[in-house]
């Protein structure tokens, strides 16, 4: 699993998630309102900036995945000292 993830191209994933977000919105409008589907590819901004509500699904995946990895990984001693206000 780690070998497969190590080969992941982040820029390609961002482009794919931006396209899928636009495709979802276009198909949603086609289904709900009968509008002609126009796919607007969105450029994802990682890490996301802004309010949680305005995030696209790809940006939410990034934020939530980052938070999970931060919680399960061994904390960096320098980061812990910095967060505690202890500077060397």
Foldseek 3Di string as FASTA:
>chain_A
DVVVVVPDDVQVVQQVQQQVLQQVVQVVCCVPPVDHRDRDRDRDDPCDDDDPVPDTPVNVCRVVVVVVCCVPDDDDPQVVCVVVVNDD
